[in-house]
Amino acid sequence: MSVEQTEYLPLALRHLDDAISALTAPKVRTHKAAGRTRVITKPSIYAEMLENIRGQQGTSFGGVARSMPPLWVDGVDWINKVDSTVQGWWPSTGGTLSRLEAFHKASWRPQDTNFLDGASEMINDWVTAAESLLDGGRDHFTLNAPCPTCGEAWVYRKDALGENVRAPALNVSNMGCNCLACGHHWGFEYFTHLAKVIDCAPLEGVIADESNAV
């Protein structure tokens, strides 16, 4: 076991905590209008995906499925992928959320660092995919600046054809800003600070869109 593995384990656990929170924690937003500030709590990404699937089948409030449009195949595929992968990581009894909690609290070893980093990256990919499915791909843009946390400006990801392409590390959506390199997440309450750190114009467009949607 190398010294590097021992040193990197706390960082890997922090990234795992951030990734799981991005997937399962309720979203707290600050909405300002007419001189007043309201704190609004929205469901987690995972809960919102489940609710959208149930809503399209007419069972979101415990009702009986009735004649509805075709099943939201992309949403169901997303849920099945998340559930099956998490079950593979932690094949205990219970649902996906309880498995993720146990997975997070497990006693990990320094030699597990690479596995944890891979799990964090996969969870962040799930969050990004869910955001795109939920909002139809709107309000997404990238920032051509290095991540303040890890210093990376670019990542290499596979496109629809399976080819590696270079893309900016900082990705902004109506859920906040994520670094695709290290997995760090900034909520809207940190956007002014983030803009100052990376020396860019205030990130106001996506916030305005989100406020109007509330």
N, C-alpha and C. Protein backbone atom coordinates (compact mmCIF):
# COMPACT_ATOMS: atom_id res chain seq x y z
N MET A 1 0.84 -1.19 0.00
CA MET A 1 0.00 0.00 0.00
C MET A 1 0.87 1.24 0.00
N SER A 2 0.63 2.17 -0.94
CA SER A 2 1.47 3.34 -1.07
C SER A 2 1.01 4.46 -0.14
N VAL A 3 1.93 5.40 0.09
CA VAL A 3 1.59 6.57 0.90
C VAL A 3 0.51 7.39 0.20
N GLU A 4 0.58 7.45 -1.16
CA GLU A 4 -0.40 8.21 -1.92
C GLU A 4 -1.81 7.70 -1.69
N GLN A 5 -1.97 6.36 -1.67
CA GLN A 5 -3.29 5.80 -1.43
C GLN A 5 -3.84 6.23 -0.08
N THR A 6 -2.99 6.23 0.93
CA THR A 6 -3.43 6.65 2.27
C THR A 6 -3.83 8.11 2.27
N GLU A 7 -3.08 8.94 1.58
CA GLU A 7 -3.36 10.37 1.55
C GLU A 7 -4.62 10.68 0.75
N TYR A 8 -4.88 9.93 -0.31
CA TYR A 8 -6.00 10.23 -1.20
C TYR A 8 -7.33 9.69 -0.71
N LEU A 9 -7.33 8.77 0.25
CA LEU A 9 -8.59 8.18 0.70
C LEU A 9 -9.56 9.23 1.26
N PRO A 10 -9.13 10.16 2.14
CA PRO A 10 -10.08 11.18 2.63
C PRO A 10 -10.69 12.02 1.51
N LEU A 11 -9.89 12.34 0.49
CA LEU A 11 -10.41 13.12 -0.64
C LEU A 11 -11.42 12.30 -1.42
N ALA A 12 -11.14 11.02 -1.62
CA ALA A 12 -12.08 10.16 -2.34
C ALA A 12 -13.40 10.03 -1.59
N LEU A 13 -13.33 9.96 -0.26
CA LEU A 13 -14.54 9.87 0.56
C LEU A 13 -15.33 11.18 0.51
N ARG A 14 -14.64 12.29 0.44
CA ARG A 14 -15.32 13.58 0.33
C ARG A 14 -16.04 13.69 -1.00
N HIS A 15 -15.38 13.25 -2.08
CA HIS A 15 -16.02 13.27 -3.39
C HIS A 15 -17.23 12.34 -3.42
N LEU A 16 -17.12 11.20 -2.75
CA LEU A 16 -18.25 10.27 -2.69
C LEU A 16 -19.42 10.91 -1.95
N ASP A 17 -19.12 11.58 -0.85
CA ASP A 17 -20.16 12.26 -0.07
C ASP A 17 -20.85 13.33 -0.92
N ASP A 18 -20.07 14.12 -1.66
CA ASP A 18 -20.63 15.17 -2.52
C ASP A 18 -21.51 14.56 -3.61
N ALA A 19 -21.03 13.47 -4.21
CA ALA A 19 -21.77 12.85 -5.31
C ALA A 19 -23.09 12.26 -4.82
N ILE A 20 -23.06 11.54 -3.70
CA ILE A 20 -24.29 10.95 -3.16
C ILE A 20 -25.28 12.04 -2.76
N SER A 21 -24.77 13.12 -2.19
CA SER A 21 -25.65 14.23 -1.81
C SER A 21 -26.29 14.85 -3.04
N ALA A 22 -25.52 14.99 -4.13
CA ALA A 22 -26.07 15.56 -5.36
C ALA A 22 -27.21 14.71 -5.91
N LEU A 23 -27.14 13.41 -5.65
CA LEU A 23 -28.16 12.48 -6.16
C LEU A 23 -29.36 12.36 -5.22
N THR A 24 -29.11 12.34 -3.90
CA THR A 24 -30.17 11.94 -2.96
C THR A 24 -30.63 13.03 -2.00
N ALA A 25 -29.90 14.12 -1.87
CA ALA A 25 -30.29 15.15 -0.90
C ALA A 25 -31.30 16.12 -1.50
N PRO A 26 -32.28 16.57 -0.70
CA PRO A 26 -33.22 17.60 -1.19
C PRO A 26 -32.46 18.85 -1.60
N LYS A 27 -33.00 19.57 -2.58
CA LYS A 27 -32.36 20.77 -3.09
C LYS A 27 -32.95 22.00 -2.40
N VAL A 28 -32.09 22.77 -1.76
CA VAL A 28 -32.53 23.99 -1.09
C VAL A 28 -32.16 25.19 -1.95
N ARG A 29 -33.14 25.97 -2.32
CA ARG A 29 -32.91 27.13 -3.17
C ARG A 29 -33.35 28.40 -2.46
N THR A 30 -32.70 29.50 -2.77
CA THR A 30 -33.10 30.82 -2.28
C THR A 30 -33.74 31.59 -3.42
N HIS A 31 -34.98 32.01 -3.22
CA HIS A 31 -35.72 32.73 -4.26
C HIS A 31 -36.00 34.15 -3.77
N LYS A 32 -35.54 35.13 -4.53
CA LYS A 32 -35.75 36.53 -4.17
C LYS A 32 -36.74 37.17 -5.13
N ALA A 33 -37.75 37.83 -4.57
CA ALA A 33 -38.76 38.52 -5.37
C ALA A 33 -39.42 39.58 -4.52
N ALA A 34 -39.62 40.76 -5.12
CA ALA A 34 -40.31 41.87 -4.45
C ALA A 34 -39.66 42.21 -3.11
N GLY A 35 -38.36 42.13 -3.07
CA GLY A 35 -37.64 42.49 -1.86
C GLY A 35 -37.69 41.46 -0.75
N ARG A 36 -38.25 40.31 -1.04
CA ARG A 36 -38.34 39.25 -0.03
C ARG A 36 -37.55 38.03 -0.48
N THR A 37 -37.03 37.32 0.49
CA THR A 37 -36.26 36.11 0.20
C THR A 37 -36.99 34.90 0.79
N ARG A 38 -37.18 33.91 -0.05
CA ARG A 38 -37.80 32.67 0.41
C ARG A 38 -36.84 31.51 0.21
N VAL A 39 -36.83 30.60 1.17
CA VAL A 39 -36.04 29.38 1.05
C VAL A 39 -36.97 28.26 0.61
N ILE A 40 -36.66 27.67 -0.53
CA ILE A 40 -37.53 26.66 -1.13
C ILE A 40 -36.79 25.32 -1.17
N THR A 41 -37.45 24.28 -0.71
CA THR A 41 -36.86 22.94 -0.74
C THR A 41 -37.55 22.11 -1.81
N LYS A 42 -36.76 21.52 -2.68
CA LYS A 42 -37.28 20.66 -3.75
C LYS A 42 -36.77 19.23 -3.54
N PRO A 43 -37.45 18.26 -4.11
CA PRO A 43 -37.02 16.87 -3.95
C PRO A 43 -35.62 16.64 -4.54
N SER A 44 -35.01 15.58 -4.10
CA SER A 44 -33.71 15.20 -4.66
C SER A 44 -33.87 14.77 -6.11
N ILE A 45 -32.76 14.69 -6.81
CA ILE A 45 -32.77 14.23 -8.20
C ILE A 45 -33.40 12.84 -8.29
N TYR A 46 -32.99 11.93 -7.41
CA TYR A 46 -33.51 10.56 -7.45
C TYR A 46 -35.01 10.55 -7.19
N ALA A 47 -35.47 11.31 -6.19
CA ALA A 47 -36.90 11.36 -5.87
C ALA A 47 -37.69 11.99 -7.02
N GLU A 48 -37.11 13.01 -7.65
CA GLU A 48 -37.81 13.67 -8.75
C GLU A 48 -37.96 12.75 -9.95
N MET A 49 -36.93 11.95 -10.22
CA MET A 49 -37.03 10.98 -11.31
C MET A 49 -38.12 9.96 -11.03
N LEU A 50 -38.17 9.45 -9.80
CA LEU A 50 -39.21 8.48 -9.44
C LEU A 50 -40.59 9.10 -9.57
N GLU A 51 -40.73 10.34 -9.10
CA GLU A 51 -42.03 11.01 -9.13
C GLU A 51 -42.50 11.23 -10.57
N ASN A 52 -41.58 11.59 -11.44
CA ASN A 52 -41.95 11.81 -12.85
C ASN A 52 -42.40 10.51 -13.51
N ILE A 53 -41.72 9.41 -13.19
CA ILE A 53 -42.11 8.12 -13.75
C ILE A 53 -43.49 7.72 -13.25
N ARG A 54 -43.72 7.85 -11.93
CA ARG A 54 -45.03 7.48 -11.37
C ARG A 54 -46.13 8.39 -11.88
N GLY A 55 -45.81 9.69 -12.03
CA GLY A 55 -46.80 10.63 -12.52
C GLY A 55 -47.27 10.31 -13.92
N GLN A 56 -46.34 9.88 -14.77
CA GLN A 56 -46.72 9.55 -16.14
C GLN A 56 -47.53 8.26 -16.23
N GLN A 57 -47.44 7.45 -15.15
CA GLN A 57 -48.23 6.22 -15.14
C GLN A 57 -49.50 6.36 -14.31
N GLY A 58 -49.74 7.58 -13.77
CA GLY A 58 -50.97 7.81 -13.02
C GLY A 58 -50.96 7.24 -11.63
N THR A 59 -49.76 6.97 -11.05
CA THR A 59 -49.69 6.35 -9.72
C THR A 59 -48.87 7.17 -8.75
N SER A 60 -48.62 8.43 -9.04
CA SER A 60 -47.72 9.21 -8.20
C SER A 60 -48.26 9.44 -6.80
N PHE A 61 -49.59 9.38 -6.63
CA PHE A 61 -50.15 9.60 -5.31
C PHE A 61 -50.89 8.36 -4.81
N GLY A 62 -50.36 7.21 -5.17
CA GLY A 62 -50.93 5.97 -4.68
C GLY A 62 -52.15 5.50 -5.44
N GLY A 63 -52.46 6.14 -6.56
CA GLY A 63 -53.62 5.76 -7.34
C GLY A 63 -53.36 4.52 -8.16
N VAL A 64 -54.38 4.11 -8.87
CA VAL A 64 -54.27 2.95 -9.74
C VAL A 64 -53.87 3.42 -11.14
N ALA A 65 -52.94 2.71 -11.75
CA ALA A 65 -52.50 3.09 -13.10
C ALA A 65 -53.68 3.11 -14.05
N ARG A 66 -53.78 4.17 -14.83
CA ARG A 66 -54.88 4.30 -15.77
C ARG A 66 -54.31 4.51 -17.17
N SER A 67 -55.17 4.72 -18.13
CA SER A 67 -54.71 4.94 -19.50
C SER A 67 -53.90 6.22 -19.57
N MET A 68 -52.63 6.09 -19.92
CA MET A 68 -51.70 7.22 -19.95
C MET A 68 -50.85 7.13 -21.21
N PRO A 69 -50.09 8.18 -21.52
CA PRO A 69 -49.16 8.10 -22.65
C PRO A 69 -48.15 6.98 -22.42
N PRO A 70 -47.38 6.61 -23.44
CA PRO A 70 -46.40 5.54 -23.31
C PRO A 70 -45.43 5.78 -22.16
N LEU A 71 -44.95 4.70 -21.58
CA LEU A 71 -44.01 4.77 -20.46
C LEU A 71 -42.81 5.63 -20.81
N TRP A 72 -42.35 6.42 -19.85
CA TRP A 72 -41.16 7.25 -20.03
C TRP A 72 -39.94 6.33 -19.99
N VAL A 73 -39.61 5.80 -21.16
CA VAL A 73 -38.59 4.75 -21.25
C VAL A 73 -37.23 5.25 -20.73
N ASP A 74 -36.84 6.46 -21.12
CA ASP A 74 -35.54 6.97 -20.69
C ASP A 74 -35.47 7.08 -19.18
N GLY A 75 -36.57 7.52 -18.57
CA GLY A 75 -36.59 7.65 -17.11
C GLY A 75 -36.50 6.30 -16.42
N VAL A 76 -37.25 5.34 -16.93
CA VAL A 76 -37.22 3.99 -16.36
C VAL A 76 -35.84 3.37 -16.53
N ASP A 77 -35.23 3.56 -17.70
CA ASP A 77 -33.88 3.04 -17.91
C ASP A 77 -32.90 3.66 -16.92
N TRP A 78 -33.06 4.95 -16.64
CA TRP A 78 -32.18 5.65 -15.69
C TRP A 78 -32.33 5.03 -14.30
N ILE A 79 -33.56 4.88 -13.85
CA ILE A 79 -33.82 4.30 -12.52
C ILE A 79 -33.26 2.88 -12.44
N ASN A 80 -33.52 2.07 -13.46
CA ASN A 80 -33.04 0.69 -13.44
C ASN A 80 -31.51 0.63 -13.40
N LYS A 81 -30.86 1.53 -14.14
CA LYS A 81 -29.40 1.54 -14.16
C LYS A 81 -28.85 1.92 -12.79
N VAL A 82 -29.43 2.97 -12.19
CA VAL A 82 -28.97 3.40 -10.86
C VAL A 82 -29.21 2.30 -9.83
N ASP A 83 -30.42 1.76 -9.81
CA ASP A 83 -30.77 0.76 -8.80
C ASP A 83 -29.90 -0.49 -8.92
N SER A 84 -29.72 -0.98 -10.15
CA SER A 84 -28.95 -2.21 -10.33
C SER A 84 -27.47 -2.00 -10.01
N THR A 85 -26.93 -0.83 -10.38
CA THR A 85 -25.51 -0.57 -10.10
C THR A 85 -25.27 -0.46 -8.60
N VAL A 86 -26.14 0.27 -7.91
CA VAL A 86 -25.99 0.42 -6.46
C VAL A 86 -26.14 -0.92 -5.77
N GLN A 87 -27.05 -1.74 -6.24
CA GLN A 87 -27.22 -3.07 -5.66
C GLN A 87 -25.95 -3.91 -5.86
N GLY A 88 -25.30 -3.74 -7.01
CA GLY A 88 -24.03 -4.43 -7.24
C GLY A 88 -22.93 -3.96 -6.32
N TRP A 89 -22.93 -2.65 -6.01
CA TRP A 89 -21.93 -2.12 -5.09
C TRP A 89 -22.17 -2.59 -3.66
N TRP A 90 -23.48 -2.64 -3.27
CA TRP A 90 -23.81 -2.95 -1.88
C TRP A 90 -25.06 -3.84 -1.87
N PRO A 91 -24.87 -5.15 -2.08
CA PRO A 91 -26.00 -6.07 -2.24
C PRO A 91 -26.67 -6.46 -0.94
N SER A 92 -27.08 -5.47 -0.16
CA SER A 92 -27.79 -5.74 1.09
C SER A 92 -29.28 -5.56 0.85
N THR A 93 -30.08 -5.84 1.88
CA THR A 93 -31.51 -5.62 1.75
C THR A 93 -31.82 -4.13 1.85
N GLY A 94 -32.99 -3.77 1.33
CA GLY A 94 -33.37 -2.37 1.36
C GLY A 94 -33.35 -1.76 -0.03
N GLY A 95 -33.75 -0.50 -0.10
CA GLY A 95 -33.81 0.19 -1.37
C GLY A 95 -32.50 0.87 -1.72
N THR A 96 -32.52 1.58 -2.83
CA THR A 96 -31.30 2.23 -3.31
C THR A 96 -30.77 3.27 -2.33
N LEU A 97 -31.65 4.06 -1.73
CA LEU A 97 -31.19 5.11 -0.83
C LEU A 97 -30.53 4.53 0.42
N SER A 98 -31.11 3.48 0.98
CA SER A 98 -30.52 2.87 2.17
C SER A 98 -29.21 2.16 1.82
N ARG A 99 -29.12 1.58 0.62
CA ARG A 99 -27.88 0.95 0.18
C ARG A 99 -26.77 2.00 0.02
N LEU A 100 -27.13 3.14 -0.58
CA LEU A 100 -26.14 4.20 -0.76
C LEU A 100 -25.65 4.73 0.59
N GLU A 101 -26.55 4.84 1.55
CA GLU A 101 -26.16 5.31 2.87
C GLU A 101 -25.18 4.33 3.53
N ALA A 102 -25.49 3.03 3.43
CA ALA A 102 -24.59 2.02 3.99
C ALA A 102 -23.26 2.00 3.24
N PHE A 103 -23.32 2.14 1.93
CA PHE A 103 -22.13 2.18 1.09
C PHE A 103 -21.23 3.34 1.50
N HIS A 104 -21.85 4.48 1.76
CA HIS A 104 -21.11 5.68 2.14
C HIS A 104 -20.45 5.52 3.51
N LYS A 105 -21.14 4.86 4.44
CA LYS A 105 -20.66 4.74 5.82
C LYS A 105 -19.73 3.55 6.03
N ALA A 106 -19.49 2.76 5.00
CA ALA A 106 -18.66 1.57 5.15
C ALA A 106 -17.22 1.94 5.52
N SER A 107 -16.50 1.01 6.08
CA SER A 107 -15.10 1.22 6.45
C SER A 107 -14.22 0.92 5.24
N TRP A 108 -13.91 1.96 4.49
CA TRP A 108 -13.12 1.78 3.28
C TRP A 108 -11.63 1.82 3.58
N ARG A 109 -10.86 1.13 2.77
CA ARG A 109 -9.41 1.05 2.93
C ARG A 109 -8.72 1.94 1.90
N PRO A 110 -7.50 2.34 2.17
CA PRO A 110 -6.77 3.17 1.20
C PRO A 110 -6.71 2.55 -0.18
N GLN A 111 -6.62 1.23 -0.27
CA GLN A 111 -6.55 0.58 -1.58
C GLN A 111 -7.89 0.59 -2.32
N ASP A 112 -8.95 1.07 -1.67
CA ASP A 112 -10.25 1.20 -2.32
C ASP A 112 -10.43 2.56 -3.00
N THR A 113 -9.42 3.41 -2.93
CA THR A 113 -9.54 4.78 -3.43
C THR A 113 -9.98 4.84 -4.89
N ASN A 114 -9.35 4.06 -5.75
CA ASN A 114 -9.69 4.10 -7.18
C ASN A 114 -11.13 3.67 -7.42
N PHE A 115 -11.58 2.66 -6.69
CA PHE A 115 -12.95 2.21 -6.83
C PHE A 115 -13.93 3.31 -6.39
N LEU A 116 -13.63 3.98 -5.28
CA LEU A 116 -14.49 5.05 -4.79
C LEU A 116 -14.54 6.22 -5.76
N ASP A 117 -13.38 6.56 -6.34
CA ASP A 117 -13.34 7.63 -7.33
C ASP A 117 -14.22 7.29 -8.54
N GLY A 118 -14.16 6.03 -8.97
CA GLY A 118 -14.98 5.60 -10.10
C GLY A 118 -16.46 5.64 -9.77
N ALA A 119 -16.81 5.26 -8.53
CA ALA A 119 -18.21 5.30 -8.11
C ALA A 119 -18.71 6.74 -8.07
N SER A 120 -17.89 7.66 -7.55
CA SER A 120 -18.28 9.07 -7.49
C SER A 120 -18.50 9.63 -8.89
N GLU A 121 -17.61 9.31 -9.81
CA GLU A 121 -17.75 9.80 -11.18
C GLU A 121 -19.03 9.26 -11.81
N MET A 122 -19.33 8.00 -11.55
CA MET A 122 -20.53 7.41 -12.13
C MET A 122 -21.79 8.07 -11.56
N ILE A 123 -21.80 8.33 -10.25
CA ILE A 123 -22.97 8.98 -9.63
C ILE A 123 -23.16 10.38 -10.20
N ASN A 124 -22.07 11.11 -10.37
CA ASN A 124 -22.17 12.45 -10.95
C ASN A 124 -22.69 12.39 -12.39
N ASP A 125 -22.30 11.36 -13.13
CA ASP A 125 -22.82 11.18 -14.48
C ASP A 125 -24.33 10.92 -14.45
N TRP A 126 -24.79 10.15 -13.45
CA TRP A 126 -26.22 9.92 -13.30
C TRP A 126 -26.96 11.23 -13.05
N VAL A 127 -26.40 12.07 -12.19
CA VAL A 127 -27.03 13.35 -11.87
C VAL A 127 -27.14 14.21 -13.13
N THR A 128 -26.06 14.29 -13.89
CA THR A 128 -26.06 15.09 -15.11
C THR A 128 -27.09 14.56 -16.11
N ALA A 129 -27.16 13.23 -16.26
CA ALA A 129 -28.12 12.64 -17.18
C ALA A 129 -29.55 12.90 -16.73
N ALA A 130 -29.79 12.80 -15.42
CA ALA A 130 -31.14 13.04 -14.89
C ALA A 130 -31.56 14.49 -15.10
N GLU A 131 -30.64 15.41 -14.87
CA GLU A 131 -30.95 16.83 -15.10
C GLU A 131 -31.38 17.06 -16.54
N SER A 132 -30.67 16.43 -17.46
CA SER A 132 -30.99 16.59 -18.88
C SER A 132 -32.36 16.00 -19.19
N LEU A 133 -32.68 14.85 -18.59
CA LEU A 133 -33.97 14.22 -18.83
C LEU A 133 -35.11 15.04 -18.24
N LEU A 134 -34.88 15.60 -17.06
CA LEU A 134 -35.94 16.33 -16.35
C LEU A 134 -36.26 17.68 -16.99
N ASP A 135 -35.23 18.35 -17.49
CA ASP A 135 -35.50 19.68 -18.04
C ASP A 135 -35.38 19.72 -19.57
N GLY A 136 -35.28 18.56 -20.18
CA GLY A 136 -35.24 18.52 -21.64
C GLY A 136 -33.97 19.09 -22.23
N GLY A 137 -32.90 19.16 -21.39
CA GLY A 137 -31.63 19.65 -21.88
C GLY A 137 -31.50 21.15 -21.87
N ARG A 138 -32.48 21.88 -21.31
CA ARG A 138 -32.42 23.33 -21.30
C ARG A 138 -31.53 23.81 -20.16
N ASP A 139 -31.08 25.05 -20.31
CA ASP A 139 -30.34 25.75 -19.27
C ASP A 139 -29.04 25.05 -18.88
N HIS A 140 -28.39 24.44 -19.84
CA HIS A 140 -27.09 23.83 -19.62
C HIS A 140 -26.04 24.61 -20.40
N PHE A 141 -24.93 24.94 -19.75
CA PHE A 141 -23.82 25.53 -20.48
C PHE A 141 -22.53 25.22 -19.73
N THR A 142 -21.43 25.46 -20.37
CA THR A 142 -20.13 25.16 -19.77
C THR A 142 -19.36 26.46 -19.54
N LEU A 143 -18.34 26.36 -18.67
CA LEU A 143 -17.49 27.50 -18.36
C LEU A 143 -16.06 27.16 -18.75
N ASN A 144 -15.47 27.99 -19.58
CA ASN A 144 -14.09 27.75 -20.00
C ASN A 144 -13.13 28.36 -18.98
N ALA A 145 -13.05 27.71 -17.83
CA ALA A 145 -12.18 28.16 -16.74
C ALA A 145 -11.79 26.94 -15.91
N PRO A 146 -10.62 26.99 -15.28
CA PRO A 146 -10.21 25.86 -14.43
C PRO A 146 -11.10 25.75 -13.21
N CYS A 147 -11.31 24.54 -12.75
CA CYS A 147 -12.07 24.30 -11.53
C CYS A 147 -11.29 24.84 -10.33
N PRO A 148 -11.89 25.66 -9.47
CA PRO A 148 -11.17 26.19 -8.30
C PRO A 148 -10.74 25.11 -7.32
N THR A 149 -11.41 23.95 -7.35
CA THR A 149 -11.08 22.88 -6.41
C THR A 149 -9.92 22.02 -6.87
N CYS A 150 -9.96 21.56 -8.13
CA CYS A 150 -8.93 20.63 -8.61
C CYS A 150 -7.98 21.25 -9.64
N GLY A 151 -8.34 22.42 -10.20
CA GLY A 151 -7.47 23.08 -11.17
C GLY A 151 -7.62 22.59 -12.59
N GLU A 152 -8.48 21.60 -12.83
CA GLU A 152 -8.66 21.07 -14.18
C GLU A 152 -9.63 21.95 -14.97
N ALA A 153 -9.28 22.23 -16.22
CA ALA A 153 -10.15 23.02 -17.09
C ALA A 153 -10.89 22.14 -18.10
N TRP A 154 -10.33 20.95 -18.37
CA TRP A 154 -10.89 20.08 -19.39
C TRP A 154 -10.99 18.64 -18.90
N VAL A 155 -11.94 17.92 -19.47
CA VAL A 155 -12.06 16.48 -19.22
C VAL A 155 -12.24 15.80 -20.57
N TYR A 156 -11.99 14.51 -20.60
CA TYR A 156 -12.23 13.72 -21.81
C TYR A 156 -13.37 12.76 -21.53
N ARG A 157 -14.40 12.84 -22.36
CA ARG A 157 -15.58 12.02 -22.17
C ARG A 157 -15.99 11.39 -23.50
N LYS A 158 -16.75 10.31 -23.44
CA LYS A 158 -17.20 9.64 -24.65
C LYS A 158 -18.45 10.33 -25.19
N ASP A 159 -18.50 10.57 -26.48
CA ASP A 159 -19.67 11.17 -27.09
C ASP A 159 -20.66 10.07 -27.49
N ALA A 160 -21.70 10.44 -28.23
CA ALA A 160 -22.72 9.47 -28.61
C ALA A 160 -22.18 8.34 -29.48
N LEU A 161 -21.06 8.60 -30.14
CA LEU A 161 -20.46 7.58 -30.99
C LEU A 161 -19.42 6.74 -30.26
N GLY A 162 -19.24 7.03 -28.97
CA GLY A 162 -18.28 6.27 -28.18
C GLY A 162 -16.85 6.74 -28.32
N GLU A 163 -16.65 7.93 -28.93
CA GLU A 163 -15.31 8.47 -29.12
C GLU A 163 -14.98 9.45 -27.99
N ASN A 164 -13.70 9.48 -27.59
CA ASN A 164 -13.27 10.41 -26.55
C ASN A 164 -13.17 11.82 -27.13
N VAL A 165 -13.88 12.76 -26.48
CA VAL A 165 -13.83 14.15 -26.90
C VAL A 165 -13.49 15.02 -25.69
N ARG A 166 -12.83 16.16 -25.97
CA ARG A 166 -12.48 17.06 -24.89
C ARG A 166 -13.64 18.01 -24.61
N ALA A 167 -13.94 18.22 -23.33
CA ALA A 167 -15.05 19.11 -22.95
C ALA A 167 -14.63 19.90 -21.72
N PRO A 168 -15.19 21.12 -21.55
CA PRO A 168 -14.89 21.91 -20.35
C PRO A 168 -15.28 21.16 -19.08
N ALA A 169 -14.48 21.32 -18.05
CA ALA A 169 -14.74 20.61 -16.80
C ALA A 169 -15.94 21.18 -16.05
N LEU A 170 -16.12 22.50 -16.09
CA LEU A 170 -17.20 23.13 -15.33
C LEU A 170 -18.48 23.15 -16.16
N ASN A 171 -19.51 22.48 -15.63
CA ASN A 171 -20.78 22.34 -16.32
C ASN A 171 -21.87 22.95 -15.47
N VAL A 172 -22.62 23.90 -16.02
CA VAL A 172 -23.66 24.61 -15.28
C VAL A 172 -25.03 24.20 -15.80
N SER A 173 -25.94 23.93 -14.88
CA SER A 173 -27.31 23.60 -15.24
C SER A 173 -28.23 24.29 -14.24
N ASN A 174 -29.53 24.03 -14.34
CA ASN A 174 -30.44 24.64 -13.38
C ASN A 174 -30.41 23.96 -12.03
N MET A 175 -29.47 23.03 -11.83
CA MET A 175 -29.26 22.41 -10.52
C MET A 175 -28.01 22.96 -9.84
N GLY A 176 -27.22 23.77 -10.55
CA GLY A 176 -25.99 24.30 -9.99
C GLY A 176 -24.83 24.07 -10.94
N CYS A 177 -23.61 24.14 -10.40
CA CYS A 177 -22.41 23.94 -11.21
C CYS A 177 -21.66 22.72 -10.70
N ASN A 178 -21.26 21.85 -11.61
CA ASN A 178 -20.50 20.65 -11.27
C ASN A 178 -19.18 20.63 -12.02
N CYS A 179 -18.13 20.19 -11.34
CA CYS A 179 -16.87 19.92 -12.02
C CYS A 179 -16.88 18.47 -12.45
N LEU A 180 -16.75 18.24 -13.74
CA LEU A 180 -16.78 16.88 -14.27
C LEU A 180 -15.46 16.15 -14.03
N ALA A 181 -14.43 16.89 -13.59
CA ALA A 181 -13.13 16.27 -13.31
C ALA A 181 -13.07 15.71 -11.89
N CYS A 182 -13.44 16.54 -10.91
CA CYS A 182 -13.31 16.10 -9.50
C CYS A 182 -14.64 15.85 -8.83
N GLY A 183 -15.75 16.26 -9.47
CA GLY A 183 -17.07 16.01 -8.91
C GLY A 183 -17.57 17.05 -7.93
N HIS A 184 -16.80 18.14 -7.71
CA HIS A 184 -17.25 19.15 -6.76
C HIS A 184 -18.50 19.85 -7.28
N HIS A 185 -19.42 20.19 -6.36
CA HIS A 185 -20.69 20.81 -6.73
C HIS A 185 -20.85 22.15 -6.02
N TRP A 186 -21.32 23.16 -6.76
CA TRP A 186 -21.64 24.46 -6.18
C TRP A 186 -23.13 24.72 -6.38
N GLY A 187 -23.85 24.97 -5.29
CA GLY A 187 -25.24 25.36 -5.38
C GLY A 187 -25.36 26.82 -5.77
N PHE A 188 -26.59 27.26 -5.99
CA PHE A 188 -26.79 28.64 -6.42
C PHE A 188 -26.28 29.66 -5.40
N GLU A 189 -26.31 29.28 -4.11
CA GLU A 189 -25.88 30.23 -3.09
C GLU A 189 -24.38 30.54 -3.19
N TYR A 190 -23.63 29.73 -3.96
CA TYR A 190 -22.20 29.95 -4.10
C TYR A 190 -21.82 30.52 -5.48
N PHE A 191 -22.80 30.85 -6.31
CA PHE A 191 -22.49 31.28 -7.67
C PHE A 191 -21.74 32.61 -7.71
N THR A 192 -22.10 33.56 -6.86
CA THR A 192 -21.40 34.84 -6.86
C THR A 192 -19.94 34.65 -6.48
N HIS A 193 -19.70 33.82 -5.47
CA HIS A 193 -18.33 33.53 -5.05
C HIS A 193 -17.58 32.80 -6.16
N LEU A 194 -18.22 31.82 -6.80
CA LEU A 194 -17.58 31.06 -7.87
C LEU A 194 -17.20 31.97 -9.02
N ALA A 195 -18.10 32.89 -9.39
CA ALA A 195 -17.82 33.81 -10.50
C ALA A 195 -16.59 34.66 -10.20
N LYS A 196 -16.45 35.10 -8.94
CA LYS A 196 -15.29 35.91 -8.56
C LYS A 196 -14.01 35.09 -8.61
N VAL A 197 -14.09 33.85 -8.15
CA VAL A 197 -12.90 33.00 -8.10
C VAL A 197 -12.37 32.69 -9.49
N ILE A 198 -13.26 32.42 -10.43
CA ILE A 198 -12.82 32.06 -11.79
C ILE A 198 -12.77 33.28 -12.70
N ASP A 199 -13.05 34.46 -12.13
CA ASP A 199 -12.92 35.74 -12.85
C ASP A 199 -13.77 35.76 -14.11
N CYS A 200 -15.07 35.54 -13.92
CA CYS A 200 -15.99 35.63 -15.05
C CYS A 200 -17.18 36.49 -14.65
N ALA A 201 -18.02 36.80 -15.61
CA ALA A 201 -19.23 37.57 -15.33
C ALA A 201 -20.13 36.78 -14.39
N PRO A 202 -20.94 37.47 -13.58
CA PRO A 202 -21.85 36.76 -12.67
C PRO A 202 -22.70 35.74 -13.40
N LEU A 203 -22.88 34.57 -12.77
CA LEU A 203 -23.65 33.49 -13.38
C LEU A 203 -25.13 33.72 -13.12
N GLU A 204 -25.72 34.68 -13.81
CA GLU A 204 -27.07 35.10 -13.49
C GLU A 204 -28.13 34.44 -14.37
N GLY A 205 -27.79 34.07 -15.58
CA GLY A 205 -28.79 33.57 -16.50
C GLY A 205 -29.54 32.37 -16.00
N VAL A 206 -28.81 31.37 -15.57
CA VAL A 206 -29.47 30.15 -15.12
C VAL A 206 -30.23 30.36 -13.83
N ILE A 207 -29.74 31.27 -12.96
CA ILE A 207 -30.45 31.57 -11.71
C ILE A 207 -31.79 32.24 -12.02
N ALA A 208 -31.77 33.18 -12.96
CA ALA A 208 -33.01 33.87 -13.32
C ALA A 208 -34.03 32.88 -13.87
N ASP A 209 -33.56 31.96 -14.71
CA ASP A 209 -34.47 30.96 -15.27
C ASP A 209 -35.09 30.12 -14.17
N GLU A 210 -34.24 29.71 -13.20
CA GLU A 210 -34.74 28.87 -12.11
C GLU A 210 -35.72 29.62 -11.24
N SER A 211 -35.45 30.90 -10.97
CA SER A 211 -36.34 31.69 -10.15
C SER A 211 -37.70 31.85 -10.82
N ASN A 212 -37.69 32.04 -12.13
CA ASN A 212 -38.93 32.22 -12.85
C ASN A 212 -39.76 30.94 -12.86
N ALA A 213 -39.03 29.81 -12.72
CA ALA A 213 -39.73 28.53 -12.78
C ALA A 213 -40.42 28.20 -11.47
N VAL A 214 -39.99 28.87 -10.38
CA VAL A 214 -40.53 28.54 -9.06
C VAL A 214 -41.91 29.16 -8.90
